[in-house]
Amino acid sequence: MFHLENRKTMYTIALEEHYVSPTFLQGSGRNLKEQAERSGSFTFLELLCDLDDRRIADMDAADIDMQVLSLGSPGVEQLDAPDAVTLARETNNYLAEAIRRHPGRIAGVAAI
């Protein structure tokens, strides 16, 4: 297990950080994806989907030790209950996998 206190005496944790999953962009976030494609800012959404090399590199460049991630808006609350449960499960699993790959660097808040 990774312990932040073993790295240095002070560390930086970014709390208001967001992510989206590819499934999110096909579901409740599809309007966000369409707007981004029209405006030429799709790269931003690609960055939100990246919970690996690029995100960690950006964190290192900004001297951020850990990010606490939550699902971007609109979240699962925009959907009917069965679809919301399915999307919440998928996005939570997507985030949980990233947390397992990057212990001590990525933490998260579940979508419910």
N, C-alpha and C. Protein backbone atom coordinates (compact mmCIF):
# COMPACT_ATOMS: atom_id res chain seq x y z
N MET A 1 0.84 -1.17 0.00
CA MET A 1 0.00 0.00 0.00
C MET A 1 0.88 1.24 0.00
N PHE A 2 0.46 2.24 -0.70
CA PHE A 2 1.18 3.50 -0.83
C PHE A 2 0.70 4.46 0.25
N HIS A 3 1.61 5.08 0.95
CA HIS A 3 1.26 6.06 1.97
C HIS A 3 1.91 7.39 1.61
N LEU A 4 1.09 8.42 1.50
CA LEU A 4 1.62 9.73 1.12
C LEU A 4 2.66 10.23 2.11
N GLU A 5 2.48 9.95 3.39
CA GLU A 5 3.42 10.47 4.37
C GLU A 5 4.83 9.91 4.18
N ASN A 6 4.96 8.80 3.46
CA ASN A 6 6.28 8.24 3.20
C ASN A 6 7.03 9.00 2.11
N ARG A 7 6.34 9.79 1.30
CA ARG A 7 6.97 10.50 0.20
C ARG A 7 7.61 11.81 0.62
N LYS A 8 6.90 12.61 1.35
CA LYS A 8 7.39 13.91 1.77
C LYS A 8 6.53 14.42 2.91
N THR A 9 6.94 15.51 3.53
CA THR A 9 6.20 15.99 4.69
C THR A 9 4.93 16.74 4.32
N MET A 10 4.91 17.37 3.17
CA MET A 10 3.70 18.07 2.71
C MET A 10 3.37 17.58 1.31
N TYR A 11 2.10 17.50 1.02
CA TYR A 11 1.69 17.04 -0.29
C TYR A 11 0.47 17.83 -0.74
N THR A 12 0.23 17.81 -2.03
CA THR A 12 -0.86 18.57 -2.63
C THR A 12 -1.92 17.60 -3.13
N ILE A 13 -3.15 17.79 -2.67
CA ILE A 13 -4.27 16.98 -3.10
C ILE A 13 -5.28 17.91 -3.77
N ALA A 14 -5.58 17.63 -5.03
CA ALA A 14 -6.57 18.42 -5.78
C ALA A 14 -7.93 17.75 -5.62
N LEU A 15 -8.89 18.49 -5.04
CA LEU A 15 -10.18 17.91 -4.69
C LEU A 15 -11.27 18.09 -5.74
N GLU A 16 -11.25 19.14 -6.49
CA GLU A 16 -12.34 19.43 -7.42
C GLU A 16 -11.92 19.07 -8.84
N GLU A 17 -11.68 17.79 -9.05
CA GLU A 17 -11.22 17.30 -10.35
C GLU A 17 -12.27 16.36 -10.92
N HIS A 18 -12.43 16.40 -12.23
CA HIS A 18 -13.49 15.62 -12.86
C HIS A 18 -12.94 14.66 -13.89
N TYR A 19 -13.75 13.69 -14.20
CA TYR A 19 -13.44 12.73 -15.25
C TYR A 19 -14.75 12.37 -15.95
N VAL A 20 -14.65 11.81 -17.12
CA VAL A 20 -15.78 11.19 -17.81
C VAL A 20 -15.28 9.87 -18.38
N SER A 21 -16.19 8.97 -18.63
CA SER A 21 -15.84 7.70 -19.25
C SER A 21 -16.36 7.70 -20.68
N PRO A 22 -15.81 6.86 -21.53
CA PRO A 22 -16.34 6.76 -22.90
C PRO A 22 -17.83 6.43 -22.90
N THR A 23 -18.28 5.57 -22.00
CA THR A 23 -19.70 5.23 -21.94
C THR A 23 -20.54 6.44 -21.54
N PHE A 24 -20.03 7.25 -20.63
CA PHE A 24 -20.71 8.48 -20.23
C PHE A 24 -20.93 9.38 -21.44
N LEU A 25 -19.92 9.49 -22.31
CA LEU A 25 -20.03 10.36 -23.48
C LEU A 25 -21.01 9.81 -24.51
N GLN A 26 -21.31 8.54 -24.44
CA GLN A 26 -22.31 7.95 -25.33
C GLN A 26 -23.71 8.05 -24.72
N GLY A 27 -23.78 8.29 -23.42
CA GLY A 27 -25.06 8.34 -22.72
C GLY A 27 -25.43 9.76 -22.34
N SER A 28 -25.49 10.03 -21.03
CA SER A 28 -25.96 11.33 -20.56
C SER A 28 -25.03 12.47 -20.95
N GLY A 29 -23.78 12.16 -21.27
CA GLY A 29 -22.84 13.21 -21.68
C GLY A 29 -22.74 13.42 -23.18
N ARG A 30 -23.64 12.80 -23.95
CA ARG A 30 -23.51 12.91 -25.41
C ARG A 30 -23.68 14.34 -25.90
N ASN A 31 -24.55 15.13 -25.24
CA ASN A 31 -24.68 16.54 -25.64
C ASN A 31 -23.38 17.29 -25.41
N LEU A 32 -22.71 16.98 -24.32
CA LEU A 32 -21.41 17.58 -24.03
C LEU A 32 -20.41 17.23 -25.12
N LYS A 33 -20.42 15.98 -25.55
CA LYS A 33 -19.53 15.52 -26.62
C LYS A 33 -19.84 16.24 -27.93
N GLU A 34 -21.12 16.36 -28.26
CA GLU A 34 -21.51 17.03 -29.50
C GLU A 34 -21.11 18.50 -29.47
N GLN A 35 -21.30 19.17 -28.35
CA GLN A 35 -20.90 20.57 -28.23
C GLN A 35 -19.39 20.72 -28.37
N ALA A 36 -18.66 19.82 -27.76
CA ALA A 36 -17.19 19.88 -27.84
C ALA A 36 -16.72 19.65 -29.27
N GLU A 37 -17.34 18.72 -29.97
CA GLU A 37 -16.96 18.47 -31.36
C GLU A 37 -17.25 19.68 -32.23
N ARG A 38 -18.40 20.33 -32.03
CA ARG A 38 -18.75 21.52 -32.83
C ARG A 38 -17.80 22.68 -32.55
N SER A 39 -17.37 22.81 -31.31
CA SER A 39 -16.53 23.95 -30.94
C SER A 39 -15.04 23.68 -31.14
N GLY A 40 -14.70 22.45 -31.50
CA GLY A 40 -13.29 22.12 -31.69
C GLY A 40 -12.55 21.87 -30.39
N SER A 41 -13.27 21.63 -29.31
CA SER A 41 -12.60 21.41 -28.02
C SER A 41 -12.71 19.95 -27.57
N PHE A 42 -12.80 19.03 -28.53
CA PHE A 42 -12.93 17.62 -28.17
C PHE A 42 -11.72 17.13 -27.40
N THR A 43 -10.55 17.72 -27.62
CA THR A 43 -9.35 17.32 -26.89
C THR A 43 -9.58 17.40 -25.38
N PHE A 44 -10.33 18.39 -24.95
CA PHE A 44 -10.64 18.54 -23.53
C PHE A 44 -11.35 17.30 -23.00
N LEU A 45 -12.31 16.78 -23.75
CA LEU A 45 -13.01 15.57 -23.31
C LEU A 45 -12.10 14.35 -23.31
N GLU A 46 -11.20 14.30 -24.27
CA GLU A 46 -10.23 13.21 -24.28
C GLU A 46 -9.38 13.24 -23.02
N LEU A 47 -9.01 14.44 -22.58
CA LEU A 47 -8.23 14.58 -21.35
C LEU A 47 -9.04 14.14 -20.13
N LEU A 48 -10.33 14.44 -20.13
CA LEU A 48 -11.18 14.02 -19.02
C LEU A 48 -11.32 12.50 -18.95
N CYS A 49 -11.26 11.84 -20.11
CA CYS A 49 -11.35 10.37 -20.16
C CYS A 49 -10.04 9.70 -19.75
N ASP A 50 -8.94 10.41 -19.87
CA ASP A 50 -7.62 9.82 -19.60
C ASP A 50 -7.36 9.78 -18.10
N LEU A 51 -7.38 8.58 -17.55
CA LEU A 51 -7.08 8.42 -16.13
C LEU A 51 -5.74 7.72 -15.94
N ASP A 52 -4.89 7.86 -16.94
CA ASP A 52 -3.60 7.17 -16.89
C ASP A 52 -2.45 8.12 -17.22
N ASP A 53 -1.67 7.81 -18.22
CA ASP A 53 -0.39 8.48 -18.47
C ASP A 53 -0.50 10.00 -18.58
N ARG A 54 -1.42 10.50 -19.36
CA ARG A 54 -1.51 11.95 -19.56
C ARG A 54 -1.90 12.66 -18.27
N ARG A 55 -2.91 12.12 -17.58
CA ARG A 55 -3.36 12.75 -16.33
C ARG A 55 -2.23 12.75 -15.30
N ILE A 56 -1.55 11.61 -15.15
CA ILE A 56 -0.45 11.53 -14.18
C ILE A 56 0.67 12.48 -14.56
N ALA A 57 0.99 12.57 -15.85
CA ALA A 57 2.03 13.50 -16.30
C ALA A 57 1.62 14.95 -16.01
N ASP A 58 0.36 15.29 -16.26
CA ASP A 58 -0.12 16.64 -15.96
C ASP A 58 -0.07 16.92 -14.46
N MET A 59 -0.41 15.93 -13.65
CA MET A 59 -0.32 16.08 -12.20
C MET A 59 1.12 16.32 -11.78
N ASP A 60 2.04 15.54 -12.34
CA ASP A 60 3.46 15.71 -12.00
C ASP A 60 3.95 17.10 -12.40
N ALA A 61 3.54 17.57 -13.58
CA ALA A 61 3.96 18.89 -14.05
C ALA A 61 3.45 20.00 -13.14
N ALA A 62 2.28 19.80 -12.53
CA ALA A 62 1.69 20.80 -11.64
C ALA A 62 2.04 20.54 -10.18
N ASP A 63 2.89 19.55 -9.90
CA ASP A 63 3.29 19.17 -8.55
C ASP A 63 2.08 18.78 -7.69
N ILE A 64 1.15 18.05 -8.30
CA ILE A 64 -0.02 17.54 -7.59
C ILE A 64 0.25 16.09 -7.25
N ASP A 65 0.14 15.75 -5.98
CA ASP A 65 0.40 14.39 -5.53
C ASP A 65 -0.79 13.46 -5.76
N MET A 66 -1.99 13.98 -5.53
CA MET A 66 -3.18 13.15 -5.66
C MET A 66 -4.33 13.99 -6.20
N GLN A 67 -5.18 13.37 -7.01
CA GLN A 67 -6.44 13.98 -7.42
C GLN A 67 -7.58 13.13 -6.88
N VAL A 68 -8.60 13.80 -6.36
CA VAL A 68 -9.83 13.15 -5.95
C VAL A 68 -10.85 13.46 -7.04
N LEU A 69 -11.22 12.44 -7.81
CA LEU A 69 -12.04 12.62 -9.00
C LEU A 69 -13.51 12.36 -8.74
N SER A 70 -14.34 13.14 -9.44
CA SER A 70 -15.78 12.87 -9.46
C SER A 70 -16.25 12.99 -10.90
N LEU A 71 -17.36 12.33 -11.19
CA LEU A 71 -17.92 12.33 -12.53
C LEU A 71 -18.35 13.73 -12.93
N GLY A 72 -17.99 14.12 -14.15
CA GLY A 72 -18.38 15.43 -14.66
C GLY A 72 -19.89 15.55 -14.87
N SER A 73 -20.35 16.75 -15.08
CA SER A 73 -21.77 17.03 -15.30
C SER A 73 -22.08 17.01 -16.78
N PRO A 74 -23.28 16.67 -17.19
CA PRO A 74 -24.35 16.19 -16.34
C PRO A 74 -24.06 14.77 -15.91
N GLY A 75 -24.38 14.46 -14.69
CA GLY A 75 -24.08 13.12 -14.17
C GLY A 75 -25.20 12.14 -14.47
N VAL A 76 -25.29 11.14 -13.66
CA VAL A 76 -26.28 10.09 -13.88
C VAL A 76 -27.69 10.53 -13.52
N GLU A 77 -27.84 11.65 -12.81
CA GLU A 77 -29.16 12.09 -12.35
C GLU A 77 -30.07 12.51 -13.49
N GLN A 78 -29.54 12.70 -14.68
CA GLN A 78 -30.34 13.11 -15.83
C GLN A 78 -31.11 11.95 -16.46
N LEU A 79 -30.83 10.74 -16.05
CA LEU A 79 -31.37 9.55 -16.70
C LEU A 79 -32.50 8.92 -15.90
N ASP A 80 -33.28 8.08 -16.58
CA ASP A 80 -34.26 7.25 -15.88
C ASP A 80 -33.50 6.31 -14.96
N ALA A 81 -34.16 5.87 -13.88
CA ALA A 81 -33.48 5.08 -12.85
C ALA A 81 -32.71 3.88 -13.39
N PRO A 82 -33.27 3.04 -14.24
CA PRO A 82 -32.49 1.87 -14.71
C PRO A 82 -31.23 2.28 -15.48
N ASP A 83 -31.36 3.30 -16.33
CA ASP A 83 -30.20 3.77 -17.09
C ASP A 83 -29.19 4.45 -16.17
N ALA A 84 -29.68 5.17 -15.17
CA ALA A 84 -28.78 5.84 -14.23
C ALA A 84 -27.96 4.83 -13.43
N VAL A 85 -28.60 3.75 -13.01
CA VAL A 85 -27.89 2.71 -12.25
C VAL A 85 -26.82 2.07 -13.12
N THR A 86 -27.16 1.78 -14.36
CA THR A 86 -26.20 1.16 -15.28
C THR A 86 -25.01 2.09 -15.51
N LEU A 87 -25.29 3.37 -15.78
CA LEU A 87 -24.20 4.31 -16.04
C LEU A 87 -23.38 4.55 -14.78
N ALA A 88 -24.01 4.66 -13.63
CA ALA A 88 -23.27 4.85 -12.38
C ALA A 88 -22.33 3.68 -12.15
N ARG A 89 -22.82 2.47 -12.36
CA ARG A 89 -21.97 1.29 -12.17
C ARG A 89 -20.77 1.33 -13.12
N GLU A 90 -21.01 1.65 -14.39
CA GLU A 90 -19.93 1.68 -15.37
C GLU A 90 -18.90 2.76 -15.03
N THR A 91 -19.38 3.97 -14.73
CA THR A 91 -18.43 5.05 -14.45
C THR A 91 -17.68 4.81 -13.14
N ASN A 92 -18.36 4.25 -12.15
CA ASN A 92 -17.69 3.92 -10.89
C ASN A 92 -16.63 2.85 -11.10
N ASN A 93 -16.93 1.85 -11.92
CA ASN A 93 -15.94 0.81 -12.22
C ASN A 93 -14.76 1.38 -12.99
N TYR A 94 -15.04 2.29 -13.92
CA TYR A 94 -13.98 2.95 -14.70
C TYR A 94 -13.03 3.69 -13.76
N LEU A 95 -13.60 4.41 -12.81
CA LEU A 95 -12.80 5.14 -11.83
C LEU A 95 -12.07 4.19 -10.89
N ALA A 96 -12.75 3.15 -10.42
CA ALA A 96 -12.12 2.19 -9.50
C ALA A 96 -10.91 1.51 -10.14
N GLU A 97 -11.01 1.20 -11.43
CA GLU A 97 -9.87 0.59 -12.13
C GLU A 97 -8.68 1.54 -12.15
N ALA A 98 -8.94 2.82 -12.38
CA ALA A 98 -7.85 3.81 -12.38
C ALA A 98 -7.24 3.95 -10.99
N ILE A 99 -8.06 3.91 -9.96
CA ILE A 99 -7.56 3.98 -8.58
C ILE A 99 -6.65 2.79 -8.29
N ARG A 100 -7.04 1.62 -8.76
CA ARG A 100 -6.20 0.42 -8.57
C ARG A 100 -4.88 0.54 -9.33
N ARG A 101 -4.93 1.13 -10.52
CA ARG A 101 -3.70 1.27 -11.32
C ARG A 101 -2.76 2.33 -10.74
N HIS A 102 -3.32 3.32 -10.04
CA HIS A 102 -2.53 4.46 -9.55
C HIS A 102 -2.78 4.70 -8.07
N PRO A 103 -2.45 3.73 -7.21
CA PRO A 103 -2.70 3.92 -5.78
C PRO A 103 -1.90 5.10 -5.23
N GLY A 104 -2.58 5.90 -4.44
CA GLY A 104 -1.91 7.06 -3.86
C GLY A 104 -1.88 8.27 -4.77
N ARG A 105 -2.27 8.10 -6.01
CA ARG A 105 -2.28 9.23 -6.96
C ARG A 105 -3.70 9.63 -7.31
N ILE A 106 -4.58 8.64 -7.45
CA ILE A 106 -5.97 8.91 -7.82
C ILE A 106 -6.88 8.31 -6.76
N ALA A 107 -7.84 9.12 -6.32
CA ALA A 107 -8.91 8.68 -5.43
C ALA A 107 -10.21 9.15 -6.07
N GLY A 108 -11.34 8.76 -5.53
CA GLY A 108 -12.56 9.15 -6.20
C GLY A 108 -13.78 9.21 -5.32
N VAL A 109 -14.79 9.86 -5.87
CA VAL A 109 -16.11 9.97 -5.27
C VAL A 109 -17.06 9.21 -6.20
N ALA A 110 -17.81 8.28 -5.65
CA ALA A 110 -18.71 7.46 -6.47
C ALA A 110 -19.90 8.27 -6.97
N ALA A 111 -20.33 7.94 -8.18
CA ALA A 111 -21.57 8.49 -8.73
C ALA A 111 -22.72 7.63 -8.22
N ILE A 112 -23.76 8.28 -7.67
CA ILE A 112 -24.91 7.51 -7.18
C ILE A 112 -26.20 8.10 -7.71
